[in-house]
């Protein structure tokens, strides 16, 4: 097995080339584990024009419409960097600080009367918006949490027998500390029983390094896993339900996709993504987190290839974007109670295998050490894109990176004229606007339209030690 630096050099060499079978065989011979799980760029990066600031489109969602909470505390992330242990270890990421960040974010979304009251307000808003009356959480209702463990996709970094991460130990997965903070909130503040919670990534294995501290505190939670774990510590194997998922591009001859059982059985879904750039999509945030929600790999033969509508492969704007279907399906985006973006250790997927630090204030060359939270799935990705664009001058600036957000915000009448309806085999009921999209005024002030008193668009609310 070669060192991780060999993998990086190989990826750097092929990063903007056509990936051929010969290259993949060469990678395999080197023991690098490169597979079709990751869509590597085929063409040179094409940058888009700078977006026009403070031009909101779509209909804001949430108890406080369009609100995105940004919690930042540099004490959360104290890792010295590669070669100095691993970022997810307890002595490198401060659980108490992460707990505080999560609590502050929930209170800022739901109200300042404490976390329990904030959760009650969040649930009541969701139920009222979905025609269920102004009711809070009821005992026995199931909650599924989709986290991003893309670095642990089955057949890749996790040993399927021992369930230890065998390589890529510094990859930018959802942090166990952020998952634990959320579980603590749901169980101790929202009143959800452990056995009514499912958490995981349907495409991935739940490695021991992450599973251990979570299971020790919450042993009755269902830890979703592509294979189902091992004999020592079984996880919950993800299975398909009978509920179909349709692509609005209506790809001919593609095998039928189905929603996972634990999505179908849940009353509520929480989307916990990571703050990452992406070589084929520009960014990978809450919307693209659901590339892992359909169990099979995005490019699996016989199925619709989800990568084909990403900006690297479908250039420009006003295009069909399959991310909108994932955001809008009634069993996925339609059940989403809360969107979170774990921004403790951002990075670039899939070509980099350790996170990058942020240079601008208030980060000042430290880890981003942040958490974003919102009830508006369009607004939170919009804010995350602005953060990534401010730090890095490459992939987040790719032409078409935010096109899916224009399509989602205007899903009832999108620029591409696509009839977005992922719930039916043919266009039957158009999706409504899925949220509000805009870009901030500038990277220094980070002001959106509601911050500027315009009464529409996004509001970015800072909590914690934001500087």
Protein backbone atom coordinates (compact mmCIF):
# COMPACT_ATOMS: atom_id res chain seq x y z
CA UNK A 1 0.00 0.00 0.00
CA UNK A 2 1.49 3.36 -1.00
CA UNK A 3 1.43 6.44 1.20
CA UNK A 4 -1.34 9.04 0.99
CA UNK A 5 1.11 11.45 -0.71
CA UNK A 6 1.29 9.03 -3.68
CA UNK A 7 -2.49 9.16 -4.00
CA UNK A 8 -2.43 12.96 -3.98
CA UNK A 9 0.25 13.12 -6.67
CA UNK A 10 -1.69 10.70 -8.87
CA UNK A 11 -4.90 12.69 -8.47
CA UNK A 12 -3.04 15.93 -9.12
CA UNK A 13 -1.74 14.45 -12.36
CA UNK A 14 -5.13 13.31 -13.63
CA UNK A 15 -7.24 16.00 -11.95
CA UNK A 16 -8.21 17.81 -15.16
CA UNK A 17 -7.82 14.97 -17.60
CA UNK A 18 -10.11 12.34 -19.06
CA UNK A 19 -10.03 9.43 -16.61
CA UNK A 20 -9.50 6.30 -18.69
CA UNK A 21 -9.66 2.62 -17.71
CA UNK A 22 -5.88 2.52 -18.04
CA UNK A 23 -5.57 5.27 -15.45
CA UNK A 24 -7.89 3.46 -13.08
CA UNK A 25 -5.92 0.24 -13.52
CA UNK A 26 -2.72 2.17 -12.83
CA UNK A 27 -4.26 3.63 -9.69
CA UNK A 28 -5.30 0.17 -8.59
CA UNK A 29 -1.82 -1.19 -9.20
CA UNK A 30 -0.47 1.58 -6.97
CA UNK A 31 -2.96 0.64 -4.25
CA UNK A 32 -4.59 4.06 -4.37
CA UNK A 33 -8.20 2.91 -4.28
CA UNK A 34 -9.42 5.34 -6.94
CA UNK A 35 -12.84 4.25 -8.17
CA UNK A 36 -15.88 5.37 -10.08
CA UNK A 37 -17.39 6.48 -6.77
CA UNK A 38 -15.81 9.87 -7.49
CA UNK A 39 -16.40 11.79 -10.68
CA UNK A 40 -13.12 13.44 -11.51
CA UNK A 41 -13.00 16.43 -13.86
CA UNK A 42 -12.64 15.66 -17.53
CA UNK A 43 -12.07 19.18 -18.80
CA UNK A 44 -10.19 22.32 -17.73
CA UNK A 45 -11.88 24.45 -15.11
CA UNK A 46 -14.08 27.18 -16.59
CA UNK A 47 -14.75 30.08 -14.24
CA UNK A 48 -18.00 32.02 -14.26
CA UNK A 49 -18.69 35.70 -13.92
CA UNK A 50 -18.93 37.22 -10.46
CA UNK A 51 -22.54 37.08 -9.23
CA UNK A 52 -24.62 40.20 -8.76
CA UNK A 53 -25.00 40.83 -5.01
CA UNK A 54 -28.28 41.19 -3.13
CA UNK A 55 -30.64 40.11 -5.90
CA UNK A 56 -32.87 37.57 -4.11
CA UNK A 57 -35.02 35.10 -6.04
CA UNK A 58 -37.51 32.57 -4.73
CA UNK A 59 -39.63 32.31 -1.58
CA UNK A 60 -37.84 32.30 1.78
CA UNK A 61 -38.58 29.41 4.14
CA UNK A 62 -38.42 29.01 7.89
CA UNK A 63 -39.88 30.27 11.14
CA UNK A 64 -37.68 33.29 10.47
CA UNK A 65 -37.86 33.27 6.65
CA UNK A 66 -34.50 32.95 4.92
CA UNK A 67 -32.54 32.90 8.17
CA UNK A 68 -29.16 31.16 8.14
CA UNK A 69 -27.35 30.95 11.47
CA UNK A 70 -23.56 30.99 11.48
CA UNK A 71 -21.95 29.70 14.67
CA UNK A 72 -18.19 30.16 14.86
CA UNK A 73 -15.81 29.40 17.70
CA UNK A 74 -12.10 28.88 16.99
CA UNK A 75 -11.77 26.80 20.15
CA UNK A 76 -13.81 24.01 18.52
CA UNK A 77 -11.07 22.96 16.09
CA UNK A 78 -7.59 22.64 17.58
CA UNK A 79 -5.95 20.08 15.27
CA UNK A 80 -2.31 20.84 14.47
CA UNK A 81 -2.65 19.36 10.97
CA UNK A 82 -1.69 16.22 9.02
CA UNK A 83 0.84 14.05 10.80
CA UNK A 84 -0.29 15.31 14.20
CA UNK A 85 -2.99 12.79 14.96
CA UNK A 86 -6.38 13.16 13.26
CA UNK A 87 -8.85 16.03 13.33
CA UNK A 88 -11.76 13.89 14.60
CA UNK A 89 -9.95 12.69 17.71
CA UNK A 90 -11.33 14.00 20.99
CA UNK A 91 -8.16 15.87 21.94
CA UNK A 92 -8.23 17.79 18.63
CA UNK A 93 -11.92 18.75 18.35
CA UNK A 94 -13.54 20.13 21.50
CA UNK A 95 -16.88 18.41 22.14
CA UNK A 96 -18.06 20.94 24.72
CA UNK A 97 -17.50 23.83 22.32
CA UNK A 98 -19.24 21.99 19.47
CA UNK A 99 -22.18 21.27 21.81
CA UNK A 100 -22.39 24.98 22.58
CA UNK A 101 -22.29 25.90 18.89
CA UNK A 102 -25.14 23.50 18.14
CA UNK A 103 -27.20 24.80 21.06
CA UNK A 104 -26.71 28.42 20.01
CA UNK A 105 -27.63 27.63 16.41
CA UNK A 106 -30.85 25.86 17.43
CA UNK A 107 -31.84 28.71 19.74
CA UNK A 108 -31.17 31.30 17.04
CA UNK A 109 -33.42 29.41 14.62
CA UNK A 110 -36.26 28.65 17.02
CA UNK A 111 -36.12 31.34 19.69
CA UNK A 112 -34.12 32.36 22.73
CA UNK A 113 -36.21 30.61 25.42
CA UNK A 114 -33.86 27.64 25.65
CA UNK A 115 -33.19 24.71 23.33
CA UNK A 116 -36.33 22.75 24.25
CA UNK A 117 -38.59 25.67 23.37
CA UNK A 118 -36.57 26.36 20.22
CA UNK A 119 -36.99 22.76 19.04
CA UNK A 120 -40.71 22.95 19.75
CA UNK A 121 -40.97 26.08 17.60
CA UNK A 122 -38.98 24.45 14.79
CA UNK A 123 -41.23 21.37 14.77
CA UNK A 124 -44.38 23.48 14.95
CA UNK A 125 -43.29 25.59 11.99
CA UNK A 126 -42.55 22.47 9.96
CA UNK A 127 -45.88 20.81 10.71
CA UNK A 128 -47.87 23.95 10.04
CA UNK A 129 -46.04 24.51 6.74
CA UNK A 130 -46.86 20.92 5.75
CA UNK A 131 -50.55 21.21 6.53
CA UNK A 132 -50.42 19.24 9.79
CA UNK A 133 -51.49 22.04 12.09
CA UNK A 134 -49.32 23.90 14.57
CA UNK A 135 -48.23 20.77 16.39
CA UNK A 136 -44.88 20.01 17.95
CA UNK A 137 -42.95 16.77 18.05
CA UNK A 138 -45.02 13.77 19.14
CA UNK A 139 -43.50 10.79 20.92
CA UNK A 140 -42.80 7.93 18.53
CA UNK A 141 -42.31 10.02 15.40
CA UNK A 142 -39.12 8.99 13.62
CA UNK A 143 -36.22 11.27 12.70
CA UNK A 144 -33.58 10.33 10.10
CA UNK A 145 -30.28 12.23 9.88
CA UNK A 146 -28.38 12.13 6.59
CA UNK A 147 -24.71 12.81 7.31
CA UNK A 148 -21.89 13.00 4.81
CA UNK A 149 -19.41 10.11 5.15
CA UNK A 150 -18.31 10.19 1.52
CA UNK A 151 -14.73 9.40 2.53
CA UNK A 152 -16.05 6.07 3.84
CA UNK A 153 -17.98 4.92 0.76
CA UNK A 154 -18.29 1.13 0.76
CA UNK A 155 -15.23 -0.46 -0.83
CA UNK A 156 -12.98 2.50 -0.20
CA UNK A 157 -11.36 3.67 3.05
CA UNK A 158 -12.98 1.38 5.64
CA UNK A 159 -11.91 -2.22 6.18
CA UNK A 160 -15.17 -4.20 5.73
CA UNK A 161 -14.09 -6.82 8.29
CA UNK A 162 -12.71 -4.74 11.14
CA UNK A 163 -14.64 -1.57 10.26
CA UNK A 164 -11.60 0.55 11.04
CA UNK A 165 -10.66 3.33 8.64
CA UNK A 166 -7.63 1.87 6.86
CA UNK A 167 -6.54 5.01 5.01
CA UNK A 168 -7.69 8.57 4.27
CA UNK A 169 -8.06 9.08 8.01
CA UNK A 170 -7.98 12.86 7.63
CA UNK A 171 -10.70 13.01 4.97
CA UNK A 172 -13.44 15.64 5.33
CA UNK A 173 -16.31 13.53 6.65
CA UNK A 174 -19.05 14.69 9.01
CA UNK A 175 -17.37 15.07 12.39
CA UNK A 176 -18.40 12.65 15.16
CA UNK A 177 -18.46 15.65 17.51
CA UNK A 178 -21.08 17.46 15.39
CA UNK A 179 -23.18 14.29 15.07
CA UNK A 180 -22.98 13.72 18.83
CA UNK A 181 -23.98 17.33 19.54
CA UNK A 182 -27.06 16.88 17.35
CA UNK A 183 -28.01 13.57 18.97
CA UNK A 184 -27.73 15.16 22.40
CA UNK A 185 -30.03 17.97 21.28
CA UNK A 186 -32.62 15.62 19.82
CA UNK A 187 -32.72 13.26 22.79
CA UNK A 188 -32.26 15.64 25.71
CA UNK A 189 -33.93 18.82 24.40
CA UNK A 190 -36.36 17.84 21.63
CA UNK A 191 -37.58 14.71 23.46
CA UNK A 192 -36.92 12.19 20.67
CA UNK A 193 -36.27 8.65 21.92
CA UNK A 194 -33.00 7.05 20.81
CA UNK A 195 -34.78 4.19 19.07
CA UNK A 196 -36.72 6.67 16.93
CA UNK A 197 -33.52 8.19 15.48
CA UNK A 198 -31.58 6.89 12.47
CA UNK A 199 -28.28 8.44 11.40
CA UNK A 200 -25.80 7.64 8.65
CA UNK A 201 -24.91 7.75 4.98
CA UNK A 202 -26.59 5.05 2.85
CA UNK A 203 -23.59 4.79 0.49
CA UNK A 204 -21.01 4.45 3.22
CA UNK A 205 -19.69 2.31 6.02
CA UNK A 206 -19.94 3.78 9.53
CA UNK A 207 -16.33 3.37 10.76
CA UNK A 208 -15.44 2.37 14.29
CA UNK A 209 -13.62 5.63 14.90
CA UNK A 210 -16.91 7.52 14.50
CA UNK A 211 -19.37 4.83 15.54
CA UNK A 212 -17.65 4.09 18.85
CA UNK A 213 -18.17 7.36 20.75
CA UNK A 214 -21.69 7.76 19.34
CA UNK A 215 -22.82 4.21 20.14
CA UNK A 216 -21.34 4.32 23.64
CA UNK A 217 -23.57 7.27 24.55
CA UNK A 218 -26.60 6.43 22.41
CA UNK A 219 -26.64 2.63 21.94
CA UNK A 220 -30.27 2.48 20.80
CA UNK A 221 -29.94 4.86 17.86
CA UNK A 222 -30.02 3.17 14.44
CA UNK A 223 -26.62 3.71 12.78
CA UNK A 224 -27.26 3.37 9.05
CA UNK A 225 -24.63 1.54 7.06
CA UNK A 226 -24.34 0.33 3.48
CA UNK A 227 -23.29 -3.21 4.49
CA UNK A 228 -24.77 -3.49 7.97
CA UNK A 229 -21.60 -3.56 10.07
CA UNK A 230 -19.79 -6.58 11.45
CA UNK A 231 -20.53 -9.31 13.98
CA UNK A 232 -18.95 -7.40 16.86
CA UNK A 233 -20.88 -4.17 16.33
CA UNK A 234 -23.70 -4.55 13.83
CA UNK A 235 -25.09 -1.42 12.22
CA UNK A 236 -28.45 -1.05 10.49
CA UNK A 237 -28.15 -2.05 6.85
CA UNK A 238 -29.84 0.40 4.49
CA UNK A 239 -32.54 -1.07 2.26
CA UNK A 240 -34.72 0.36 -0.50
CA UNK A 241 -38.39 1.05 0.16
CA UNK A 242 -41.09 0.62 -2.46
CA UNK A 243 -41.37 4.40 -2.93
CA UNK A 244 -39.92 5.42 -6.31
CA UNK A 245 -37.74 8.40 -7.07
CA UNK A 246 -38.03 9.93 -10.54
CA UNK A 247 -35.62 12.26 -12.36
CA UNK A 248 -37.29 15.23 -14.00
CA UNK A 249 -35.05 14.87 -17.05
CA UNK A 250 -36.92 11.57 -17.65
CA UNK A 251 -33.80 9.61 -18.72
CA UNK A 252 -34.89 6.83 -21.08
CA UNK A 253 -34.07 3.25 -20.11
CA UNK A 254 -32.61 4.10 -16.70
CA UNK A 255 -33.17 1.64 -13.86
CA UNK A 256 -35.70 2.80 -11.28
CA UNK A 257 -34.41 4.50 -8.13
CA UNK A 258 -36.12 4.07 -4.77
CA UNK A 259 -36.10 5.96 -1.49
CA UNK A 260 -34.40 4.20 1.47
CA UNK A 261 -36.68 2.58 4.06
CA UNK A 262 -35.51 4.81 6.90
CA UNK A 263 -36.34 7.89 4.85
CA UNK A 264 -39.79 6.58 4.00
CA UNK A 265 -40.53 5.66 7.63
CA UNK A 266 -39.34 8.97 9.07
CA UNK A 267 -41.65 11.87 9.80
CA UNK A 268 -38.69 14.28 9.76
CA UNK A 269 -35.30 14.39 8.06
CA UNK A 270 -32.24 16.40 9.09
CA UNK A 271 -29.66 17.10 6.40
CA UNK A 272 -26.14 17.41 7.87
CA UNK A 273 -23.72 18.23 5.08
CA UNK A 274 -20.07 19.33 5.06
CA UNK A 275 -18.58 22.62 3.93
CA UNK A 276 -16.62 21.51 0.87
CA UNK A 277 -15.67 22.56 -2.63
CA UNK A 278 -16.05 19.97 -5.40
CA UNK A 279 -14.06 19.53 -8.59
CA UNK A 280 -17.10 18.58 -10.67
CA UNK A 281 -19.92 20.51 -8.98
CA UNK A 282 -18.06 23.56 -7.71
CA UNK A 283 -19.39 22.86 -4.21
CA UNK A 284 -20.89 19.93 -2.34
CA UNK A 285 -23.29 21.10 0.37
CA UNK A 286 -26.79 20.18 1.59
CA UNK A 287 -28.26 19.51 -1.85
CA UNK A 288 -25.42 17.31 -3.05
CA UNK A 289 -25.28 15.52 0.29
CA UNK A 290 -28.29 13.61 -1.08
CA UNK A 291 -26.19 12.05 -3.85
CA UNK A 292 -25.64 9.47 -1.12
CA UNK A 293 -29.32 9.08 -0.28
CA UNK A 294 -30.29 6.60 -2.99
CA UNK A 295 -28.01 3.74 -1.77
CA UNK A 296 -26.42 3.05 -5.17
CA UNK A 297 -23.40 5.06 -6.34
CA UNK A 298 -24.24 8.09 -8.49
CA UNK A 299 -22.67 6.70 -11.72
CA UNK A 300 -23.69 3.03 -11.28
CA UNK A 301 -24.23 1.33 -14.63
CA UNK A 302 -27.83 1.05 -15.75
CA UNK A 303 -29.01 3.91 -13.54
CA UNK A 304 -29.25 7.59 -14.35
CA UNK A 305 -25.79 9.09 -13.81
CA UNK A 306 -26.30 11.95 -11.35
CA UNK A 307 -23.02 13.56 -12.35
CA UNK A 308 -24.21 14.45 -15.85
CA UNK A 309 -26.05 17.58 -14.73
CA UNK A 310 -23.17 18.97 -12.65
CA UNK A 311 -21.44 22.13 -13.97
CA UNK A 312 -18.25 20.36 -15.08
CA UNK A 313 -20.30 18.21 -17.45
CA UNK A 314 -23.25 20.49 -18.19
CA UNK A 315 -21.77 23.93 -18.61
CA UNK A 316 -23.50 27.26 -18.27
CA UNK A 317 -26.71 28.35 -16.58
CA UNK A 318 -30.45 27.76 -16.93
CA UNK A 319 -29.91 23.99 -17.19
CA UNK A 320 -31.71 21.01 -15.70
CA UNK A 321 -30.04 20.25 -12.37
CA UNK A 322 -30.85 16.94 -10.72
CA UNK A 323 -30.00 18.41 -7.33
CA UNK A 324 -33.39 20.14 -7.48
CA UNK A 325 -35.15 16.76 -7.67
CA UNK A 326 -33.32 15.60 -4.55
CA UNK A 327 -34.17 18.83 -2.76
CA UNK A 328 -37.83 18.56 -3.73
CA UNK A 329 -38.84 14.89 -3.50
CA UNK A 330 -41.55 14.55 -0.85
CA UNK A 331 -39.66 11.78 1.00
CA UNK A 332 -36.29 13.60 0.99
CA UNK A 333 -36.30 17.38 0.73
CA UNK A 334 -40.00 17.44 1.50
CA UNK A 335 -39.37 15.91 4.94
CA UNK A 336 -36.42 18.10 5.81
CA UNK A 337 -36.94 19.74 9.19
CA UNK A 338 -33.48 21.25 9.45
CA UNK A 339 -30.39 21.78 7.32
CA UNK A 340 -26.94 21.85 8.91
CA UNK A 341 -23.49 22.31 7.38
CA UNK A 342 -20.56 21.06 9.42
CA UNK A 343 -17.84 23.62 8.73
CA UNK A 344 -15.28 22.61 11.34
CA UNK A 345 -12.74 21.39 8.77
CA UNK A 346 -13.63 22.34 5.14
CA UNK A 347 -11.83 20.90 2.13
CA UNK A 348 -11.98 19.99 -1.55
CA UNK A 349 -13.66 16.77 -2.70
CA UNK A 350 -12.47 14.42 -4.13
CA UNK A 351 -8.91 15.40 -5.02
CA UNK A 352 -7.68 16.51 -1.60
CA UNK A 353 -7.55 14.20 1.38
CA UNK A 354 -7.13 16.60 4.27
CA UNK A 355 -8.94 19.86 5.07
CA UNK A 356 -7.80 23.40 4.28
CA UNK A 357 -7.67 26.37 6.62
CA UNK A 358 -9.48 29.67 5.94
CA UNK A 359 -7.44 32.85 5.56
CA UNK A 360 -9.94 35.72 5.87
CA UNK A 361 -11.15 37.32 9.10
CA UNK A 362 -12.34 36.08 11.56
CA UNK A 363 -10.59 32.79 10.67
CA UNK A 364 -7.18 34.35 10.14
CA UNK A 365 -5.35 31.27 8.94
CA UNK A 366 -7.14 28.88 11.29
CA UNK A 367 -9.71 26.16 10.60
CA UNK A 368 -13.17 27.47 9.69
CA UNK A 369 -14.47 26.01 12.98
CA UNK A 370 -18.04 26.83 11.98
CA UNK A 371 -21.58 25.49 11.83
CA UNK A 372 -24.33 26.74 9.51
CA UNK A 373 -27.99 26.03 10.28
CA UNK A 374 -31.23 26.91 8.50
CA UNK A 375 -34.76 25.78 7.75
CA UNK A 376 -34.31 27.09 4.19
CA UNK A 377 -32.38 24.54 2.07
CA UNK A 378 -31.67 27.05 -0.68
CA UNK A 379 -30.54 29.85 1.60
CA UNK A 380 -28.04 27.72 3.54
CA UNK A 381 -26.29 26.49 0.39
CA UNK A 382 -26.26 30.06 -0.94
CA UNK A 383 -24.43 31.29 2.16
CA UNK A 384 -22.03 28.34 2.13
CA UNK A 385 -21.12 29.04 -1.50
CA UNK A 386 -20.30 32.64 -0.59
CA UNK A 387 -17.99 31.48 2.20
CA UNK A 388 -16.18 29.08 -0.12
CA UNK A 389 -15.92 31.63 -2.93
CA UNK A 390 -14.39 34.13 -0.52
CA UNK A 391 -11.65 31.68 0.49
CA UNK A 392 -10.74 29.82 -2.69
CA UNK A 393 -10.45 31.10 -6.24
CA UNK A 394 -10.98 27.84 -8.11
CA UNK A 395 -13.86 25.34 -7.97
CA UNK A 396 -16.48 27.41 -6.10
CA UNK A 397 -16.12 29.97 -8.93
CA UNK A 398 -16.87 27.39 -11.62
CA UNK A 399 -19.40 28.50 -14.22
CA UNK A 400 -22.82 27.17 -13.22
CA UNK A 401 -21.94 26.37 -9.60
CA UNK A 402 -25.00 28.15 -8.20
CA UNK A 403 -27.29 27.32 -11.14
CA UNK A 404 -29.04 24.62 -9.09
CA UNK A 405 -29.98 27.25 -6.53
CA UNK A 406 -31.61 29.46 -9.17
CA UNK A 407 -33.48 26.41 -10.43
CA UNK A 408 -34.53 25.42 -6.90
CA UNK A 409 -35.58 28.91 -5.84
CA UNK A 410 -37.70 29.19 -8.99
CA UNK A 411 -38.68 25.52 -9.22
CA UNK A 412 -42.27 26.42 -10.11
CA UNK A 413 -41.03 28.37 -13.16
CA UNK A 414 -37.29 27.68 -13.50
CA UNK A 415 -34.93 29.40 -15.95
CA UNK A 416 -34.35 26.03 -17.69
CA UNK A 417 -38.12 25.53 -18.19
CA UNK A 418 -37.74 22.04 -16.64
CA UNK A 419 -40.94 20.56 -15.22
CA UNK A 420 -39.50 19.55 -11.85
CA UNK A 421 -41.58 16.69 -10.43
CA UNK A 422 -39.51 13.89 -8.84
CA UNK A 423 -42.58 12.27 -7.27
CA UNK A 424 -44.28 11.11 -10.48
CA UNK A 425 -43.23 9.13 -13.55
CA UNK A 426 -44.23 12.03 -15.78
CA UNK A 427 -44.67 15.72 -15.12
CA UNK A 428 -47.80 15.91 -12.96
CA UNK A 429 -47.32 18.42 -10.14
CA UNK A 430 -44.64 21.08 -10.37
CA UNK A 431 -42.44 21.67 -7.37
CA UNK A 432 -42.97 25.01 -5.71
CA UNK A 433 -40.14 27.37 -4.82
CA UNK A 434 -37.81 25.47 -2.49
CA UNK A 435 -36.33 28.56 -0.84
CA UNK A 436 -34.56 31.85 -1.45
CA UNK A 437 -31.24 32.44 -3.20
CA UNK A 438 -28.94 35.44 -3.34
CA UNK A 439 -25.29 36.38 -2.80
CA UNK A 440 -23.99 38.65 -0.07
CA UNK A 441 -22.86 42.24 -0.68
CA UNK A 442 -19.15 41.52 -0.11
CA UNK A 443 -16.91 39.05 1.77
CA UNK A 444 -16.01 41.57 4.48
CA UNK A 445 -19.49 42.67 5.61
CA UNK A 446 -21.38 39.48 4.62
CA UNK A 447 -24.69 41.32 4.39
CA UNK A 448 -27.76 39.83 2.69
CA UNK A 449 -30.97 41.59 1.79
CA UNK A 450 -32.70 41.02 5.13
CA UNK A 451 -29.56 42.18 6.95
CA UNK A 452 -29.86 45.37 4.91
CA UNK A 453 -33.49 45.86 5.98
CA UNK A 454 -35.09 44.98 2.65
CA UNK A 455 -37.65 42.56 4.11
CA UNK A 456 -36.86 39.78 1.63
CA UNK A 457 -34.07 37.40 0.75
CA UNK A 458 -31.58 35.88 3.19
CA UNK A 459 -30.68 36.89 6.73
CA UNK A 460 -27.27 35.77 8.01
CA UNK A 461 -27.30 35.71 11.82
CA UNK A 462 -23.99 35.32 13.61
CA UNK A 463 -23.69 33.61 16.99
CA UNK A 464 -20.73 32.45 19.03
CA UNK A 465 -17.21 33.84 18.77
CA UNK A 466 -17.52 35.24 15.24
CA UNK A 467 -15.13 38.13 15.76
